[in-house]
Amino acid sequence: MDEPLQRRAERVFWERHANPRSGWSRTVTLPAMVYAVHERRWRLLAAALAFTALNPLLFPKPDDADAWMTKVVLAERRWRESGDDLGALGLLNAANVPVTLYAFYAAYRRDTGGATVATALSMTLKFAFVAALVRRYEDEIDASYGRL
């Protein structure tokens, strides 16, 4: 039987998003959006939001799953589909929300220092979260298939 359309669309989305160029190019979107708010450059903000939405579809499926950023996406997909709250790791991810919101608030108030520090902290929290998520993912893969 054919795969249902929604499931196929989700699969294609995640496959293409797993291209490391998709993940790495998205790392500039938060600073671009915060800058756009700070400078009141609404077209830049719209472009950054559009890029964020379309980015996972811009790149082909990667040839393999060896790249670290590919593992980030695969680990995130596994986590989202599992519904696991991740304990302390989940708290690290949740802590990112108010920091990111503050970055936008500071940018709106044109508090350059606050926006810069909050953006850097947000990105640091995100990278710490995904790095830990990848380690967990690799441990699960190793446990399932054993090291070669």
N, C-alpha and C. Protein backbone atom coordinates (compact mmCIF):
# COMPACT_ATOMS: atom_id res chain seq x y z
N MET A 1 0.84 -1.17 0.00
CA MET A 1 0.00 0.00 0.00
C MET A 1 0.89 1.24 0.00
N ASP A 2 0.44 2.28 -0.66
CA ASP A 2 1.20 3.52 -0.73
C ASP A 2 1.26 4.19 0.63
N GLU A 3 2.35 4.89 0.84
CA GLU A 3 2.55 5.66 2.06
C GLU A 3 1.57 6.84 2.04
N PRO A 4 0.87 7.11 3.16
CA PRO A 4 -0.04 8.26 3.20
C PRO A 4 0.70 9.56 2.90
N LEU A 5 0.01 10.49 2.28
CA LEU A 5 0.62 11.75 1.84
C LEU A 5 1.29 12.50 2.99
N GLN A 6 0.63 12.63 4.12
CA GLN A 6 1.21 13.37 5.24
C GLN A 6 2.49 12.71 5.73
N ARG A 7 2.49 11.40 5.86
CA ARG A 7 3.68 10.69 6.32
C ARG A 7 4.81 10.83 5.30
N ARG A 8 4.48 10.75 4.02
CA ARG A 8 5.49 10.91 2.98
C ARG A 8 6.08 12.32 3.02
N ALA A 9 5.20 13.33 3.19
CA ALA A 9 5.67 14.72 3.26
C ALA A 9 6.59 14.92 4.46
N GLU A 10 6.23 14.35 5.60
CA GLU A 10 7.08 14.45 6.79
C GLU A 10 8.43 13.77 6.56
N ARG A 11 8.40 12.60 5.95
CA ARG A 11 9.64 11.86 5.69
C ARG A 11 10.55 12.67 4.77
N VAL A 12 9.98 13.22 3.69
CA VAL A 12 10.77 14.02 2.74
C VAL A 12 11.32 15.26 3.44
N PHE A 13 10.49 15.91 4.26
CA PHE A 13 10.94 17.09 5.01
C PHE A 13 12.16 16.75 5.85
N TRP A 14 12.08 15.71 6.67
CA TRP A 14 13.19 15.35 7.55
C TRP A 14 14.41 14.89 6.76
N GLU A 15 14.20 14.14 5.69
CA GLU A 15 15.33 13.68 4.88
C GLU A 15 16.11 14.85 4.30
N ARG A 16 15.40 15.81 3.75
CA ARG A 16 16.06 16.95 3.12
C ARG A 16 16.66 17.89 4.18
N HIS A 17 15.96 18.02 5.30
CA HIS A 17 16.45 18.85 6.39
C HIS A 17 17.73 18.26 7.00
N ALA A 18 17.92 16.96 6.86
CA ALA A 18 19.11 16.29 7.40
C ALA A 18 20.38 16.63 6.61
N ASN A 19 20.24 17.29 5.48
CA ASN A 19 21.42 17.74 4.74
C ASN A 19 22.17 18.74 5.62
N PRO A 20 23.46 18.52 5.85
CA PRO A 20 24.18 19.44 6.74
C PRO A 20 24.13 20.90 6.29
N ARG A 21 24.01 21.13 5.00
CA ARG A 21 23.91 22.53 4.54
C ARG A 21 22.62 23.18 5.04
N SER A 22 21.57 22.39 5.21
CA SER A 22 20.33 22.92 5.76
C SER A 22 20.54 23.36 7.20
N GLY A 23 21.11 22.49 8.01
CA GLY A 23 21.32 22.83 9.41
C GLY A 23 22.28 23.98 9.63
N TRP A 24 23.42 23.93 8.95
CA TRP A 24 24.41 24.99 9.16
C TRP A 24 23.92 26.34 8.64
N SER A 25 23.19 26.35 7.54
CA SER A 25 22.70 27.63 7.03
C SER A 25 21.63 28.23 7.94
N ARG A 26 20.94 27.39 8.69
CA ARG A 26 19.92 27.90 9.63
C ARG A 26 20.55 28.57 10.84
N THR A 27 21.82 28.33 11.11
CA THR A 27 22.43 28.91 12.30
C THR A 27 22.51 30.44 12.23
N VAL A 28 22.43 30.99 11.05
CA VAL A 28 22.49 32.46 10.93
C VAL A 28 21.13 33.12 11.04
N THR A 29 20.06 32.34 11.11
CA THR A 29 18.74 32.95 11.08
C THR A 29 18.40 33.72 12.35
N LEU A 30 18.75 33.20 13.53
CA LEU A 30 18.44 33.96 14.75
C LEU A 30 19.18 35.29 14.77
N PRO A 31 20.50 35.30 14.57
CA PRO A 31 21.16 36.62 14.54
C PRO A 31 20.58 37.55 13.47
N ALA A 32 20.23 37.02 12.32
CA ALA A 32 19.65 37.87 11.27
C ALA A 32 18.31 38.44 11.70
N MET A 33 17.49 37.63 12.35
CA MET A 33 16.17 38.12 12.79
C MET A 33 16.32 39.15 13.92
N VAL A 34 17.20 38.89 14.86
CA VAL A 34 17.41 39.85 15.96
C VAL A 34 17.96 41.17 15.40
N TYR A 35 18.90 41.08 14.48
CA TYR A 35 19.43 42.28 13.84
C TYR A 35 18.31 43.04 13.10
N ALA A 36 17.48 42.30 12.40
CA ALA A 36 16.39 42.94 11.64
C ALA A 36 15.44 43.68 12.57
N VAL A 37 15.12 43.09 13.71
CA VAL A 37 14.25 43.78 14.68
C VAL A 37 14.97 45.00 15.24
N HIS A 38 16.22 44.86 15.60
CA HIS A 38 17.00 45.97 16.17
C HIS A 38 17.05 47.16 15.20
N GLU A 39 17.27 46.86 13.94
CA GLU A 39 17.43 47.91 12.93
C GLU A 39 16.13 48.28 12.23
N ARG A 40 15.03 47.63 12.61
CA ARG A 40 13.70 47.88 12.01
C ARG A 40 13.72 47.62 10.50
N ARG A 41 14.40 46.55 10.14
CA ARG A 41 14.48 46.16 8.73
C ARG A 41 13.51 45.01 8.53
N TRP A 42 12.26 45.35 8.31
CA TRP A 42 11.17 44.38 8.30
C TRP A 42 11.25 43.44 7.10
N ARG A 43 11.78 43.91 5.99
CA ARG A 43 11.96 43.00 4.84
C ARG A 43 13.00 41.93 5.15
N LEU A 44 14.05 42.32 5.83
CA LEU A 44 15.06 41.34 6.24
C LEU A 44 14.44 40.33 7.20
N LEU A 45 13.63 40.79 8.13
CA LEU A 45 12.95 39.88 9.06
C LEU A 45 12.05 38.92 8.29
N ALA A 46 11.29 39.44 7.35
CA ALA A 46 10.42 38.58 6.54
C ALA A 46 11.23 37.57 5.73
N ALA A 47 12.35 38.02 5.17
CA ALA A 47 13.20 37.11 4.39
C ALA A 47 13.80 36.02 5.29
N ALA A 48 14.22 36.39 6.49
CA ALA A 48 14.80 35.40 7.42
C ALA A 48 13.73 34.40 7.85
N LEU A 49 12.53 34.87 8.11
CA LEU A 49 11.43 33.96 8.47
C LEU A 49 11.09 33.03 7.31
N ALA A 50 11.03 33.58 6.10
CA ALA A 50 10.74 32.76 4.92
C ALA A 50 11.85 31.73 4.71
N PHE A 51 13.09 32.14 4.86
CA PHE A 51 14.21 31.21 4.71
C PHE A 51 14.12 30.10 5.75
N THR A 52 13.79 30.45 6.98
CA THR A 52 13.65 29.45 8.04
C THR A 52 12.58 28.43 7.68
N ALA A 53 11.47 28.90 7.15
CA ALA A 53 10.38 28.00 6.79
C ALA A 53 10.72 27.13 5.58
N LEU A 54 11.38 27.71 4.60
CA LEU A 54 11.66 26.98 3.36
C LEU A 54 12.97 26.19 3.40
N ASN A 55 13.85 26.53 4.30
CA ASN A 55 15.18 25.93 4.35
C ASN A 55 15.19 24.41 4.27
N PRO A 56 14.36 23.71 5.02
CA PRO A 56 14.42 22.25 4.97
C PRO A 56 14.09 21.66 3.60
N LEU A 57 13.51 22.44 2.73
CA LEU A 57 13.16 21.94 1.41
C LEU A 57 14.15 22.36 0.33
N LEU A 58 15.13 23.18 0.69
CA LEU A 58 16.06 23.73 -0.29
C LEU A 58 17.20 22.80 -0.66
N PHE A 59 17.43 21.79 0.15
CA PHE A 59 18.60 20.94 -0.05
C PHE A 59 18.18 19.50 -0.28
N PRO A 60 18.96 18.75 -1.04
CA PRO A 60 18.62 17.35 -1.27
C PRO A 60 18.92 16.49 -0.04
N LYS A 61 18.38 15.31 -0.06
CA LYS A 61 18.68 14.33 0.99
C LYS A 61 20.19 14.09 0.98
N PRO A 62 20.83 14.03 2.16
CA PRO A 62 22.27 13.79 2.18
C PRO A 62 22.61 12.39 1.71
N ASP A 63 23.83 12.23 1.22
CA ASP A 63 24.28 10.92 0.73
C ASP A 63 24.47 9.92 1.85
N ASP A 64 24.80 10.42 3.04
CA ASP A 64 25.01 9.53 4.19
C ASP A 64 24.64 10.29 5.46
N ALA A 65 24.74 9.61 6.58
CA ALA A 65 24.38 10.22 7.86
C ALA A 65 25.60 10.46 8.73
N ASP A 66 26.76 10.66 8.12
CA ASP A 66 28.00 10.79 8.86
C ASP A 66 28.25 12.18 9.43
N ALA A 67 27.73 13.21 8.79
CA ALA A 67 28.00 14.59 9.22
C ALA A 67 27.33 14.86 10.57
N TRP A 68 28.02 15.64 11.40
CA TRP A 68 27.48 15.94 12.72
C TRP A 68 26.13 16.63 12.62
N MET A 69 25.97 17.59 11.71
CA MET A 69 24.71 18.30 11.59
C MET A 69 23.59 17.38 11.10
N THR A 70 23.92 16.38 10.30
CA THR A 70 22.92 15.40 9.90
C THR A 70 22.46 14.62 11.13
N LYS A 71 23.39 14.27 11.98
CA LYS A 71 23.03 13.56 13.21
C LYS A 71 22.18 14.44 14.13
N VAL A 72 22.43 15.75 14.12
CA VAL A 72 21.60 16.66 14.90
C VAL A 72 20.14 16.51 14.47
N VAL A 73 19.91 16.56 13.17
CA VAL A 73 18.54 16.49 12.65
C VAL A 73 17.93 15.12 12.91
N LEU A 74 18.69 14.06 12.70
CA LEU A 74 18.18 12.71 12.96
C LEU A 74 17.86 12.52 14.44
N ALA A 75 18.71 13.04 15.31
CA ALA A 75 18.47 12.94 16.75
C ALA A 75 17.24 13.74 17.15
N GLU A 76 17.09 14.93 16.57
CA GLU A 76 15.93 15.76 16.88
C GLU A 76 14.65 15.07 16.42
N ARG A 77 14.69 14.48 15.25
CA ARG A 77 13.51 13.77 14.74
C ARG A 77 13.15 12.61 15.66
N ARG A 78 14.14 11.83 16.05
CA ARG A 78 13.88 10.70 16.94
C ARG A 78 13.29 11.19 18.25
N TRP A 79 13.84 12.27 18.80
CA TRP A 79 13.34 12.82 20.06
C TRP A 79 11.89 13.31 19.91
N ARG A 80 11.61 14.06 18.86
CA ARG A 80 10.25 14.58 18.67
C ARG A 80 9.23 13.46 18.49
N GLU A 81 9.61 12.43 17.76
CA GLU A 81 8.68 11.32 17.51
C GLU A 81 8.49 10.44 18.74
N SER A 82 9.48 10.42 19.64
CA SER A 82 9.39 9.57 20.82
C SER A 82 8.51 10.18 21.91
N GLY A 83 8.42 11.52 21.93
CA GLY A 83 7.65 12.19 22.97
C GLY A 83 8.37 12.22 24.31
N ASP A 84 9.63 11.83 24.33
CA ASP A 84 10.45 11.80 25.54
C ASP A 84 10.69 13.23 26.02
N ASP A 85 10.54 13.47 27.34
CA ASP A 85 10.78 14.83 27.85
C ASP A 85 12.26 15.11 28.09
N LEU A 86 13.10 14.12 28.04
CA LEU A 86 14.56 14.22 28.11
C LEU A 86 15.10 14.66 29.46
N GLY A 87 14.28 14.85 30.46
CA GLY A 87 14.77 15.23 31.78
C GLY A 87 15.54 16.53 31.76
N ALA A 88 16.76 16.50 32.32
CA ALA A 88 17.59 17.70 32.41
C ALA A 88 17.92 18.25 31.02
N LEU A 89 18.07 17.37 30.06
CA LEU A 89 18.35 17.82 28.69
C LEU A 89 17.17 18.62 28.15
N GLY A 90 15.96 18.21 28.47
CA GLY A 90 14.77 18.96 28.07
C GLY A 90 14.71 20.33 28.72
N LEU A 91 15.18 20.40 29.97
CA LEU A 91 15.22 21.70 30.66
C LEU A 91 16.20 22.65 29.98
N LEU A 92 17.31 22.10 29.50
CA LEU A 92 18.28 22.91 28.76
C LEU A 92 17.62 23.50 27.51
N ASN A 93 16.86 22.70 26.83
CA ASN A 93 16.16 23.17 25.64
C ASN A 93 15.10 24.21 26.01
N ALA A 94 14.36 23.94 27.08
CA ALA A 94 13.31 24.87 27.50
C ALA A 94 13.90 26.21 27.96
N ALA A 95 15.08 26.19 28.56
CA ALA A 95 15.71 27.43 29.01
C ALA A 95 16.00 28.37 27.85
N ASN A 96 16.11 27.81 26.68
CA ASN A 96 16.40 28.61 25.50
C ASN A 96 15.24 29.54 25.13
N VAL A 97 14.03 29.15 25.45
CA VAL A 97 12.85 29.95 25.05
C VAL A 97 12.88 31.36 25.65
N PRO A 98 12.96 31.52 26.98
CA PRO A 98 12.96 32.89 27.50
C PRO A 98 14.19 33.69 27.08
N VAL A 99 15.31 33.03 26.90
CA VAL A 99 16.53 33.73 26.47
C VAL A 99 16.33 34.29 25.06
N THR A 100 15.76 33.47 24.19
CA THR A 100 15.50 33.93 22.81
C THR A 100 14.47 35.06 22.80
N LEU A 101 13.43 34.91 23.59
CA LEU A 101 12.42 35.98 23.67
C LEU A 101 13.05 37.28 24.17
N TYR A 102 13.94 37.16 25.15
CA TYR A 102 14.61 38.35 25.65
C TYR A 102 15.49 38.98 24.56
N ALA A 103 16.13 38.16 23.75
CA ALA A 103 16.96 38.70 22.66
C ALA A 103 16.10 39.58 21.74
N PHE A 104 14.91 39.11 21.43
CA PHE A 104 14.02 39.91 20.57
C PHE A 104 13.52 41.17 21.30
N TYR A 105 13.20 41.03 22.58
CA TYR A 105 12.76 42.17 23.38
C TYR A 105 13.87 43.23 23.44
N ALA A 106 15.08 42.79 23.72
CA ALA A 106 16.21 43.73 23.78
C ALA A 106 16.44 44.38 22.42
N ALA A 107 16.33 43.60 21.36
CA ALA A 107 16.50 44.16 20.01
C ALA A 107 15.42 45.21 19.73
N TYR A 108 14.19 44.91 20.12
CA TYR A 108 13.10 45.86 19.90
C TYR A 108 13.35 47.16 20.67
N ARG A 109 13.91 47.04 21.86
CA ARG A 109 14.23 48.22 22.67
C ARG A 109 15.53 48.87 22.24
N ARG A 110 16.18 48.27 21.27
CA ARG A 110 17.47 48.73 20.73
C ARG A 110 18.57 48.71 21.79
N ASP A 111 18.48 47.71 22.63
CA ASP A 111 19.52 47.44 23.62
C ASP A 111 20.51 46.49 22.94
N THR A 112 21.49 47.07 22.28
CA THR A 112 22.44 46.28 21.48
C THR A 112 23.17 45.24 22.32
N GLY A 113 23.64 45.64 23.48
CA GLY A 113 24.37 44.71 24.34
C GLY A 113 23.49 43.56 24.80
N GLY A 114 22.30 43.88 25.28
CA GLY A 114 21.38 42.84 25.74
C GLY A 114 20.99 41.90 24.63
N ALA A 115 20.72 42.45 23.45
CA ALA A 115 20.34 41.62 22.30
C ALA A 115 21.50 40.72 21.88
N THR A 116 22.69 41.27 21.89
CA THR A 116 23.87 40.50 21.48
C THR A 116 24.15 39.37 22.46
N VAL A 117 24.17 39.69 23.75
CA VAL A 117 24.45 38.67 24.77
C VAL A 117 23.36 37.60 24.77
N ALA A 118 22.11 38.01 24.70
CA ALA A 118 21.01 37.03 24.71
C ALA A 118 21.03 36.15 23.47
N THR A 119 21.34 36.73 22.33
CA THR A 119 21.43 35.94 21.09
C THR A 119 22.57 34.93 21.20
N ALA A 120 23.72 35.37 21.68
CA ALA A 120 24.86 34.46 21.85
C ALA A 120 24.53 33.36 22.85
N LEU A 121 23.88 33.72 23.96
CA LEU A 121 23.50 32.72 24.96
C LEU A 121 22.48 31.74 24.39
N SER A 122 21.52 32.25 23.64
CA SER A 122 20.52 31.38 23.02
C SER A 122 21.18 30.36 22.09
N MET A 123 22.10 30.85 21.28
CA MET A 123 22.78 29.94 20.35
C MET A 123 23.65 28.94 21.10
N THR A 124 24.29 29.38 22.18
CA THR A 124 25.09 28.48 23.00
C THR A 124 24.22 27.39 23.63
N LEU A 125 23.07 27.79 24.17
CA LEU A 125 22.15 26.81 24.75
C LEU A 125 21.67 25.82 23.68
N LYS A 126 21.36 26.33 22.50
CA LYS A 126 20.88 25.45 21.43
C LYS A 126 21.96 24.46 21.02
N PHE A 127 23.19 24.94 20.85
CA PHE A 127 24.27 24.03 20.46
C PHE A 127 24.58 23.03 21.57
N ALA A 128 24.50 23.46 22.83
CA ALA A 128 24.71 22.52 23.94
C ALA A 128 23.62 21.46 23.92
N PHE A 129 22.39 21.87 23.69
CA PHE A 129 21.28 20.93 23.64
C PHE A 129 21.45 19.92 22.51
N VAL A 130 21.71 20.41 21.30
CA VAL A 130 21.81 19.47 20.18
C VAL A 130 23.05 18.59 20.28
N ALA A 131 24.14 19.12 20.86
CA ALA A 131 25.34 18.29 21.05
C ALA A 131 25.04 17.14 22.00
N ALA A 132 24.33 17.44 23.09
CA ALA A 132 23.96 16.37 24.03
C ALA A 132 22.96 15.42 23.39
N LEU A 133 22.06 15.95 22.58
CA LEU A 133 21.07 15.11 21.90
C LEU A 133 21.78 14.15 20.93
N VAL A 134 22.79 14.64 20.23
CA VAL A 134 23.55 13.80 19.31
C VAL A 134 24.30 12.71 20.08
N ARG A 135 24.91 13.08 21.21
CA ARG A 135 25.62 12.05 22.02
C ARG A 135 24.65 10.96 22.45
N ARG A 136 23.46 11.37 22.87
CA ARG A 136 22.43 10.40 23.29
C ARG A 136 22.02 9.53 22.10
N TYR A 137 21.82 10.14 20.96
CA TYR A 137 21.45 9.44 19.73
C TYR A 137 22.52 8.41 19.35
N GLU A 138 23.78 8.84 19.36
CA GLU A 138 24.87 7.93 19.01
C GLU A 138 24.97 6.77 20.01
N ASP A 139 24.74 7.06 21.28
CA ASP A 139 24.75 5.98 22.29
C ASP A 139 23.63 4.98 22.02
N GLU A 140 22.46 5.48 21.64
CA GLU A 140 21.34 4.58 21.32
C GLU A 140 21.65 3.73 20.10
N ILE A 141 22.23 4.36 19.08
CA ILE A 141 22.60 3.61 17.87
C ILE A 141 23.65 2.54 18.20
N ASP A 142 24.66 2.94 18.98
CA ASP A 142 25.71 1.98 19.38
C ASP A 142 25.12 0.81 20.17
N ALA A 143 24.19 1.12 21.05
CA ALA A 143 23.58 0.07 21.87
C ALA A 143 22.71 -0.85 21.02
N SER A 144 22.06 -0.28 19.99
CA SER A 144 21.19 -1.10 19.14
C SER A 144 21.96 -1.97 18.16
N TYR A 145 23.01 -1.42 17.61
CA TYR A 145 23.72 -2.11 16.53
C TYR A 145 25.14 -2.54 16.89
N GLY A 146 25.61 -2.05 18.02
CA GLY A 146 26.97 -2.37 18.42
C GLY A 146 27.97 -1.59 17.59
N ARG A 147 29.11 -1.38 18.14
CA ARG A 147 30.17 -0.66 17.40
C ARG A 147 30.80 -1.60 16.39
N LEU A 148 31.10 -1.05 15.22
CA LEU A 148 31.74 -1.86 14.17
C LEU A 148 33.24 -1.72 14.22
